[in-house]
Protein backbone atom coordinates (compact mmCIF):
# COMPACT_ATOMS: atom_id res chain seq x y z
CA GLN A 1 -8.11 -12.15 12.81
CA VAL A 2 -7.69 -9.57 10.06
CA GLN A 3 -6.83 -10.41 6.47
CA LEU A 4 -5.47 -7.95 3.90
CA MET A 5 -6.02 -8.70 0.22
CA GLU A 6 -4.06 -6.68 -2.34
CA SER A 7 -4.71 -6.26 -6.05
CA GLY A 8 -3.56 -4.11 -8.93
CA GLY A 9 0.11 -4.90 -9.43
CA GLY A 10 1.66 -5.71 -12.79
CA LEU A 11 4.06 -4.66 -15.51
CA VAL A 12 4.06 -1.08 -16.73
CA GLN A 13 6.36 1.04 -18.88
CA PRO A 14 8.29 3.96 -17.39
CA GLY A 15 6.03 6.97 -17.10
CA GLY A 16 2.95 4.80 -16.79
CA SER A 17 0.44 4.43 -13.98
CA LEU A 18 -0.92 1.70 -11.74
CA ARG A 19 -3.45 1.65 -8.93
CA LEU A 20 -3.07 -0.72 -6.01
CA SER A 21 -5.97 -1.68 -3.77
CA CYS A 22 -6.05 -3.43 -0.42
CA ALA A 23 -9.17 -4.53 1.41
CA ALA A 24 -9.23 -5.59 5.05
CA SER A 25 -11.61 -8.34 6.07
CA GLY A 26 -12.23 -10.70 8.94
CA SER A 27 -12.94 -9.78 12.52
CA VAL A 28 -12.13 -6.12 12.02
CA PHE A 29 -13.32 -3.96 14.87
CA ARG A 30 -11.32 -0.83 14.12
CA ILE A 31 -8.48 0.21 11.82
CA ASN A 32 -6.09 3.03 12.62
CA THR A 33 -3.26 3.53 10.11
CA MET A 34 -3.20 1.83 6.72
CA GLY A 35 -0.42 2.04 4.22
CA TRP A 36 1.96 0.58 1.69
CA PHE A 37 5.52 -0.64 2.02
CA ARG A 38 7.74 -2.03 -0.70
CA GLN A 39 10.76 -4.28 -0.98
CA ALA A 40 13.07 -4.42 -3.98
CA PRO A 41 15.44 -7.34 -4.54
CA GLY A 42 18.42 -7.11 -2.21
CA LYS A 43 16.99 -4.16 -0.31
CA GLN A 44 15.17 -3.68 2.97
CA ARG A 45 11.45 -3.13 3.12
CA GLU A 46 10.69 0.58 3.09
CA LEU A 47 7.65 2.70 3.84
CA VAL A 48 6.00 4.17 0.76
CA ALA A 49 2.94 5.93 2.15
CA THR A 50 0.53 5.81 5.08
CA VAL A 51 -2.87 7.28 5.82
CA THR A 52 -4.56 7.53 9.21
CA SER A 53 -8.25 7.07 9.96
CA SER A 54 -8.54 10.87 9.88
CA SER A 55 -6.90 10.95 6.42
CA THR A 56 -3.54 12.36 7.46
CA THR A 57 -1.03 11.15 4.89
CA ASN A 58 2.71 10.57 4.89
CA TYR A 59 4.99 9.74 1.95
CA VAL A 60 8.59 8.75 1.43
CA ASP A 61 10.35 11.59 -0.39
CA SER A 62 11.03 9.53 -3.52
CA VAL A 63 7.30 9.17 -4.33
CA LYS A 64 5.99 12.58 -3.32
CA ASP A 65 4.11 14.31 -6.17
CA ARG A 66 3.84 10.98 -8.03
CA PHE A 67 1.92 8.66 -5.69
CA THR A 68 -1.36 9.34 -3.88
CA ILE A 69 -2.68 7.25 -1.00
CA SER A 70 -6.34 7.26 -0.06
CA ARG A 71 -8.76 5.12 1.92
CA ASP A 72 -12.42 4.26 2.17
CA ASN A 73 -13.15 3.80 5.85
CA ALA A 74 -16.59 2.35 5.21
CA GLU A 75 -15.06 -0.40 3.06
CA ASN A 76 -11.85 -0.81 5.09
CA THR A 77 -9.91 -0.32 1.88
CA VAL A 78 -6.74 1.60 1.06
CA TYR A 79 -5.57 2.63 -2.40
CA LEU A 80 -2.26 3.72 -3.87
CA GLN A 81 -2.41 5.61 -7.15
CA MET A 82 1.04 5.50 -8.72
CA ASN A 83 1.80 7.89 -11.60
CA SER A 84 4.98 8.69 -13.50
CA LEU A 85 6.39 5.32 -12.54
CA LYS A 86 10.15 4.81 -12.72
CA PRO A 87 12.22 1.62 -12.97
CA GLU A 88 13.39 2.21 -9.40
CA ASP A 89 9.77 1.81 -8.24
CA THR A 90 10.02 -1.88 -9.15
CA ALA A 91 9.38 -3.91 -6.01
CA VAL A 92 6.93 -6.11 -4.19
CA TYR A 93 4.37 -3.80 -2.59
CA TYR A 94 2.88 -4.82 0.74
CA CYS A 95 -0.30 -3.51 2.27
CA TYR A 96 -0.16 -2.69 5.98
CA ALA A 97 -2.80 -2.03 8.60
CA ARG A 98 -2.77 -1.28 12.29
CA ALA A 99 -6.03 -2.90 13.24
CA ARG A 100 -7.94 -4.19 16.21
CA ALA A 101 -9.85 -7.44 16.23
CA SER A 102 -9.63 -8.32 19.92
CA VAL A 103 -6.38 -6.38 20.49
CA TRP A 104 -4.35 -3.95 18.39
CA ASN A 105 -1.92 -5.63 15.99
CA ASP A 106 0.03 -4.98 12.82
CA TYR A 107 -1.19 -6.85 9.75
CA TRP A 108 0.40 -7.39 6.34
CA GLY A 109 -0.83 -8.45 2.94
CA GLN A 110 0.85 -11.13 0.89
CA GLY A 111 2.44 -8.61 -1.47
CA THR A 112 1.88 -7.68 -5.09
CA GLN A 113 4.62 -7.30 -7.70
CA VAL A 114 5.05 -3.98 -9.49
CA THR A 115 7.53 -4.00 -12.37
CA VAL A 116 8.41 -0.84 -14.27
CA SER A 117 10.29 -1.70 -17.44
CA SER A 118 10.35 -0.94 -21.13
């Protein structure tokens, strides 16, 4: 099994910054794509950003030029640097990984709350 442990959420004022981290542990044999999704109250979960094992990145348009995703393959960790935060970024952020223990599967973290408010 693969476990994803997130950290770094919290309360921040508009225009502020936060950095989320997510470390994969357990019987990890290989990880392909890692990323972040978010879900605001009353809304569907949406993709925020992904990064492949070869560091190809993808972002939802609303966070381009504000958020940066990166990963440390040696540590099986993915990061999300969030700058110029807006109230509409408020959501629970979930870490995601496409990983292989015995077979390929999709894995999710437990979620971390990000609140942008003055």
